[in-house]
């Protein structure tokens, strides 16, 4: 039976450390780190919950959290103008643009206007490019959470067969580079793999399987190699409850380590976001 990862406990320990570091850094009349959240239009309950998690974590660690909410009628230009203003505001440490945005507004287009050093989510093209060079300091929150969980769980990635199901620009692709930087043998599966009929074959080869596709309980127990590490990034609603992309009960019978949903990757993702804000603050305020 697999050991279930307690993401809440990992996040708690991270947040305690961040809180201590921020308390030490912010002395006298110095400004605290400040994270500004931009959203536009109506938000789902899930999206609002994610923002509230950010607010709560910020408050605990000592980051000022401010929200900037624009109406459904907001245009891409409206959001970009707000970003330009925040870029120039020296009291603002970091910026996050919440999903979803109103129809017709491209998330990548507006995020690309955030100064790289103020990119809370680590998804500005320059920050993503730094992963390729293995010198990224501010990293995408969810891939950063996956790597943190693997380190805490003492999973040695060197030479291991890592299979990532899902190739999004903010999870699967950057995570594959982070795995390669750890000298893992990395395979990325996607819709083409599924249509070819080889998804299960690849999954069964994985020493470490990461699933990030947004399909409730897609991965079954017979997809898992005995003793594999299974990291479930998905968050889905099914039958009135929150489930991941992995059938937890089935996969836990064969895996050695597995992350639950909820309570696995999610809390650590928020803590990585907080860590990014602190790193941004150091870059902007601490002189070498």
Protein backbone atom coordinates (compact mmCIF):
# COMPACT_ATOMS: atom_id res chain seq x y z
CA UNK A 1 0.00 0.00 0.00
CA UNK A 2 1.37 3.40 -1.01
CA UNK A 3 2.50 6.09 1.40
CA UNK A 4 0.16 9.06 0.94
CA UNK A 5 1.90 12.44 0.74
CA UNK A 6 0.61 15.05 3.17
CA UNK A 7 0.79 18.19 1.03
CA UNK A 8 -0.73 20.31 3.79
CA UNK A 9 2.10 19.40 6.15
CA UNK A 10 4.76 20.16 3.51
CA UNK A 11 3.09 23.51 2.82
CA UNK A 12 2.90 24.28 6.54
CA UNK A 13 6.62 23.68 6.99
CA UNK A 14 7.43 25.76 3.90
CA UNK A 15 5.22 28.62 5.08
CA UNK A 16 6.77 28.60 8.55
CA UNK A 17 10.21 28.96 6.96
CA UNK A 18 9.04 31.71 4.59
CA UNK A 19 7.44 33.58 7.48
CA UNK A 20 10.69 33.52 9.44
CA UNK A 21 12.71 34.69 6.43
CA UNK A 22 10.33 37.55 5.66
CA UNK A 23 10.29 38.64 9.29
CA UNK A 24 14.07 38.79 9.24
CA UNK A 25 14.18 40.70 5.94
CA UNK A 26 11.49 43.32 6.61
CA UNK A 27 12.84 45.56 9.34
CA UNK A 28 12.24 49.16 10.35
CA UNK A 29 10.18 51.10 7.83
CA UNK A 30 10.89 48.74 4.91
CA UNK A 31 7.91 47.73 2.77
CA UNK A 32 6.69 44.16 3.10
CA UNK A 33 6.56 41.95 0.00
CA UNK A 34 3.37 42.74 -1.92
CA UNK A 35 1.48 40.40 -4.26
CA UNK A 36 -1.20 41.89 -6.51
CA UNK A 37 -3.87 39.59 -7.94
CA UNK A 38 -5.59 40.67 -11.16
CA UNK A 39 -8.87 39.04 -12.18
CA UNK A 40 -11.57 39.94 -14.66
CA UNK A 41 -15.20 38.94 -15.03
CA UNK A 42 -17.10 36.29 -13.11
CA UNK A 43 -15.16 33.60 -11.32
CA UNK A 44 -16.17 30.06 -10.46
CA UNK A 45 -16.29 28.95 -6.85
CA UNK A 46 -13.10 26.94 -7.47
CA UNK A 47 -11.26 29.99 -8.83
CA UNK A 48 -12.41 32.11 -5.89
CA UNK A 49 -11.24 29.38 -3.51
CA UNK A 50 -7.78 29.39 -5.08
CA UNK A 51 -7.54 33.16 -4.66
CA UNK A 52 -8.64 32.82 -1.04
CA UNK A 53 -5.91 30.21 -0.47
CA UNK A 54 -3.39 32.70 -1.84
CA UNK A 55 -4.75 35.43 0.43
CA UNK A 56 -4.61 33.21 3.50
CA UNK A 57 -1.07 31.98 2.81
CA UNK A 58 0.12 35.53 2.09
CA UNK A 59 -1.29 36.78 5.37
CA UNK A 60 0.42 34.01 7.29
CA UNK A 61 3.89 34.41 5.81
CA UNK A 62 3.87 38.22 5.87
CA UNK A 63 3.09 39.11 2.26
CA UNK A 64 0.62 41.93 1.60
CA UNK A 65 -2.07 40.58 -0.74
CA UNK A 66 -4.08 43.00 -2.88
CA UNK A 67 -6.83 42.22 -5.37
CA UNK A 68 -7.60 44.14 -8.55
CA UNK A 69 -10.88 42.95 -10.00
CA UNK A 70 -11.98 44.13 -13.44
CA UNK A 71 -15.48 43.75 -14.95
CA UNK A 72 -16.57 41.19 -17.53
CA UNK A 73 -16.35 43.96 -20.13
CA UNK A 74 -12.60 44.41 -19.53
CA UNK A 75 -10.45 44.10 -22.63
CA UNK A 76 -6.96 42.72 -23.08
CA UNK A 77 -5.72 46.31 -23.33
CA UNK A 78 -7.38 47.17 -20.01
CA UNK A 79 -5.51 44.37 -18.24
CA UNK A 80 -2.23 45.23 -19.92
CA UNK A 81 -2.57 48.86 -18.78
CA UNK A 82 -3.06 47.69 -15.20
CA UNK A 83 0.01 45.47 -15.50
CA UNK A 84 2.09 48.35 -16.86
CA UNK A 85 1.13 50.47 -13.87
CA UNK A 86 1.98 47.69 -11.41
CA UNK A 87 5.29 47.03 -13.17
CA UNK A 88 6.32 50.61 -12.47
CA UNK A 89 5.06 50.63 -8.88
CA UNK A 90 8.10 50.00 -6.68
CA UNK A 91 5.89 48.92 -3.76
CA UNK A 92 4.57 45.96 -5.81
CA UNK A 93 6.78 42.88 -5.58
CA UNK A 94 4.86 40.42 -7.75
CA UNK A 95 1.79 40.10 -9.96
CA UNK A 96 -0.51 37.16 -10.69
CA UNK A 97 -3.23 37.11 -13.35
CA UNK A 98 -5.98 34.73 -12.28
CA UNK A 99 -7.72 32.33 -14.64
CA UNK A 100 -10.16 32.22 -16.28
CA UNK A 101 -10.23 35.54 -18.14
CA UNK A 102 -13.17 36.85 -20.20
CA UNK A 103 -13.60 35.37 -23.66
CA UNK A 104 -11.21 36.81 -26.22
CA UNK A 105 -8.43 37.65 -23.74
CA UNK A 106 -5.33 35.51 -24.08
CA UNK A 107 -3.76 34.69 -20.72
CA UNK A 108 -0.30 34.25 -22.27
CA UNK A 109 -0.53 37.64 -23.95
CA UNK A 110 -1.19 39.54 -20.73
CA UNK A 111 1.20 37.50 -18.55
CA UNK A 112 3.93 38.23 -21.09
CA UNK A 113 3.62 41.93 -20.19
CA UNK A 114 4.54 41.36 -16.54
CA UNK A 115 8.17 42.17 -15.78
CA UNK A 116 9.96 38.81 -15.40
CA UNK A 117 11.20 39.81 -11.94
CA UNK A 118 7.58 40.43 -10.86
CA UNK A 119 6.17 37.21 -12.32
CA UNK A 120 4.67 35.44 -9.30
CA UNK A 121 3.70 32.28 -11.22
CA UNK A 122 7.02 31.85 -13.02
CA UNK A 123 5.35 31.60 -16.41
CA UNK A 124 6.77 34.65 -18.19
CA UNK A 125 8.60 33.43 -21.34
CA UNK A 126 11.94 34.55 -19.92
CA UNK A 127 11.43 32.63 -16.66
CA UNK A 128 10.31 29.55 -18.58
CA UNK A 129 13.40 29.84 -20.77
CA UNK A 130 15.64 29.91 -17.72
CA UNK A 131 14.44 26.41 -16.84
CA UNK A 132 16.03 25.21 -20.08
CA UNK A 133 19.36 26.62 -18.87
CA UNK A 134 18.82 25.20 -15.37
CA UNK A 135 19.25 28.58 -13.73
CA UNK A 136 15.63 29.46 -12.93
CA UNK A 137 14.98 31.05 -9.55
CA UNK A 138 11.29 31.86 -10.02
CA UNK A 139 9.63 28.68 -11.31
CA UNK A 140 6.08 27.72 -12.37
CA UNK A 141 4.13 27.04 -9.20
CA UNK A 142 2.71 23.59 -9.94
CA UNK A 143 5.87 22.04 -11.46
CA UNK A 144 7.77 23.57 -8.55
CA UNK A 145 5.36 21.86 -6.16
CA UNK A 146 5.86 18.49 -7.87
CA UNK A 147 9.63 18.80 -7.59
CA UNK A 148 9.38 19.87 -3.94
CA UNK A 149 7.21 16.86 -3.08
CA UNK A 150 9.66 14.50 -4.79
CA UNK A 151 12.60 16.02 -2.89
CA UNK A 152 10.79 15.86 0.46
CA UNK A 153 9.83 12.26 -0.32
CA UNK A 154 13.51 11.49 -1.05
CA UNK A 155 12.82 10.26 -4.57
CA UNK A 156 16.09 9.99 -6.50
CA UNK A 157 15.31 10.97 -10.09
CA UNK A 158 18.72 10.18 -11.55
CA UNK A 159 18.19 7.86 -14.52
CA UNK A 160 14.62 7.06 -13.48
CA UNK A 161 11.86 6.59 -16.05
CA UNK A 162 9.62 9.62 -15.56
CA UNK A 163 6.36 9.77 -17.51
CA UNK A 164 4.30 12.98 -17.56
CA UNK A 165 0.76 12.74 -18.89
CA UNK A 166 -0.18 16.23 -20.04
CA UNK A 167 1.92 18.77 -21.97
CA UNK A 168 0.49 22.15 -21.03
CA UNK A 169 2.75 25.19 -21.22
CA UNK A 170 2.51 25.84 -17.47
CA UNK A 171 2.73 22.28 -16.10
CA UNK A 172 3.77 19.43 -18.39
CA UNK A 173 6.33 21.18 -20.58
CA UNK A 174 8.26 23.07 -17.88
CA UNK A 175 8.06 20.04 -15.58
CA UNK A 176 9.64 17.87 -18.28
CA UNK A 177 12.62 20.25 -18.43
CA UNK A 178 12.93 20.29 -14.65
CA UNK A 179 12.99 16.49 -14.68
CA UNK A 180 15.66 16.47 -17.40
CA UNK A 181 17.71 18.87 -15.27
CA UNK A 182 17.66 16.13 -12.60
CA UNK A 183 18.96 13.61 -15.21
CA UNK A 184 15.69 11.70 -15.33
CA UNK A 185 14.76 9.81 -18.49
CA UNK A 186 11.64 11.78 -19.34
CA UNK A 187 8.65 10.97 -21.56
CA UNK A 188 5.78 13.41 -22.13
CA UNK A 189 2.43 11.97 -23.21
CA UNK A 190 -0.43 13.94 -24.72
CA UNK A 191 -3.50 13.64 -26.94
CA UNK A 192 -1.37 12.23 -29.76
CA UNK A 193 -0.14 9.47 -27.47
CA UNK A 194 -3.71 8.64 -26.49
CA UNK A 195 -4.94 8.58 -30.09
CA UNK A 196 -2.05 6.31 -31.00
CA UNK A 197 -3.24 3.94 -28.27
CA UNK A 198 0.06 3.86 -26.38
CA UNK A 199 -0.79 5.88 -23.27
CA UNK A 200 -1.11 2.87 -20.95
CA UNK A 201 2.09 1.33 -22.35
CA UNK A 202 4.06 4.45 -21.46
CA UNK A 203 2.43 4.79 -18.03
CA UNK A 204 3.38 1.20 -17.16
CA UNK A 205 7.05 2.00 -17.79
CA UNK A 206 7.10 4.87 -15.28
CA UNK A 207 9.14 4.80 -12.10
CA UNK A 208 7.59 8.23 -11.50
CA UNK A 209 4.22 9.02 -13.07
CA UNK A 210 2.89 12.60 -13.06
CA UNK A 211 -0.65 13.15 -14.31
CA UNK A 212 -1.90 16.63 -15.24
CA UNK A 213 -4.71 16.43 -17.78
CA UNK A 214 -7.91 17.46 -15.96
CA UNK A 215 -9.82 14.21 -16.55
CA UNK A 216 -11.38 12.67 -13.46
CA UNK A 217 -9.79 9.35 -12.48
CA UNK A 218 -8.33 8.78 -15.94
CA UNK A 219 -5.47 6.65 -14.62
CA UNK A 220 -6.48 3.25 -13.25
CA UNK A 221 -4.63 0.82 -11.05
CA UNK A 222 -3.63 -1.40 -13.98
CA UNK A 223 -1.74 1.55 -15.50
CA UNK A 224 0.73 1.58 -12.60
CA UNK A 225 3.99 -0.33 -12.32
CA UNK A 226 4.52 -1.99 -8.94
CA UNK A 227 6.32 0.44 -6.63
CA UNK A 228 5.95 3.51 -8.85
CA UNK A 229 5.67 7.05 -7.46
CA UNK A 230 2.40 8.65 -8.56
CA UNK A 231 1.91 12.43 -8.50
CA UNK A 232 -1.65 13.57 -9.24
CA UNK A 233 -1.91 17.22 -10.33
CA UNK A 234 -5.55 17.08 -11.48
CA UNK A 235 -8.48 18.70 -9.70
CA UNK A 236 -11.92 17.61 -10.91
CA UNK A 237 -15.48 17.44 -9.64
CA UNK A 238 -17.16 14.03 -9.80
CA UNK A 239 -20.29 12.94 -7.99
CA UNK A 240 -20.28 15.97 -5.74
CA UNK A 241 -16.70 15.51 -4.55
CA UNK A 242 -13.23 16.63 -5.59
CA UNK A 243 -11.08 13.96 -7.24
CA UNK A 244 -7.83 13.89 -9.15
CA UNK A 245 -6.77 12.53 -12.52
CA UNK A 246 -5.83 9.26 -10.80
CA UNK A 247 -8.11 6.63 -9.28
CA UNK A 248 -6.53 6.95 -5.85
CA UNK A 249 -7.77 3.74 -4.23
CA UNK A 250 -6.75 1.54 -7.16
CA UNK A 251 -3.37 3.17 -7.77
CA UNK A 252 -2.47 3.26 -4.07
CA UNK A 253 -2.54 -0.55 -4.09
CA UNK A 254 0.44 -0.66 -6.44
CA UNK A 255 2.32 2.62 -5.94
CA UNK A 256 4.99 3.21 -3.29
CA UNK A 257 4.18 6.91 -2.91
CA UNK A 258 1.05 8.75 -4.07
CA UNK A 259 -0.41 12.24 -3.69
CA UNK A 260 -4.08 12.56 -2.72
CA UNK A 261 -6.58 15.04 -4.14
CA UNK A 262 -7.33 17.27 -2.38
CA UNK A 263 -4.47 17.80 0.05
CA UNK A 264 -1.54 16.76 -2.12
CA UNK A 265 0.00 18.98 -4.79
CA UNK A 266 -2.45 21.89 -4.32
CA UNK A 267 -1.30 23.28 -0.96
CA UNK A 268 2.35 23.00 -1.99
CA UNK A 269 1.58 24.91 -5.21
CA UNK A 270 0.38 27.88 -3.16
CA UNK A 271 3.54 27.72 -1.02
CA UNK A 272 5.74 27.73 -4.13
CA UNK A 273 3.86 30.86 -5.22
CA UNK A 274 4.72 32.45 -1.86
CA UNK A 275 8.35 31.37 -2.29
CA UNK A 276 8.41 33.01 -5.72
CA UNK A 277 7.19 36.28 -4.20
CA UNK A 278 9.92 36.16 -1.56
CA UNK A 279 12.56 35.46 -4.20
CA UNK A 280 11.24 38.36 -6.26
CA UNK A 281 11.44 40.58 -3.17
CA UNK A 282 15.04 39.59 -2.55
CA UNK A 283 15.99 40.38 -6.15
CA UNK A 284 14.35 43.79 -5.95
CA UNK A 285 15.41 44.84 -2.47
CA UNK A 286 18.43 42.93 -1.17
CA UNK A 287 21.76 44.16 -2.47
CA UNK A 288 24.63 41.72 -2.84
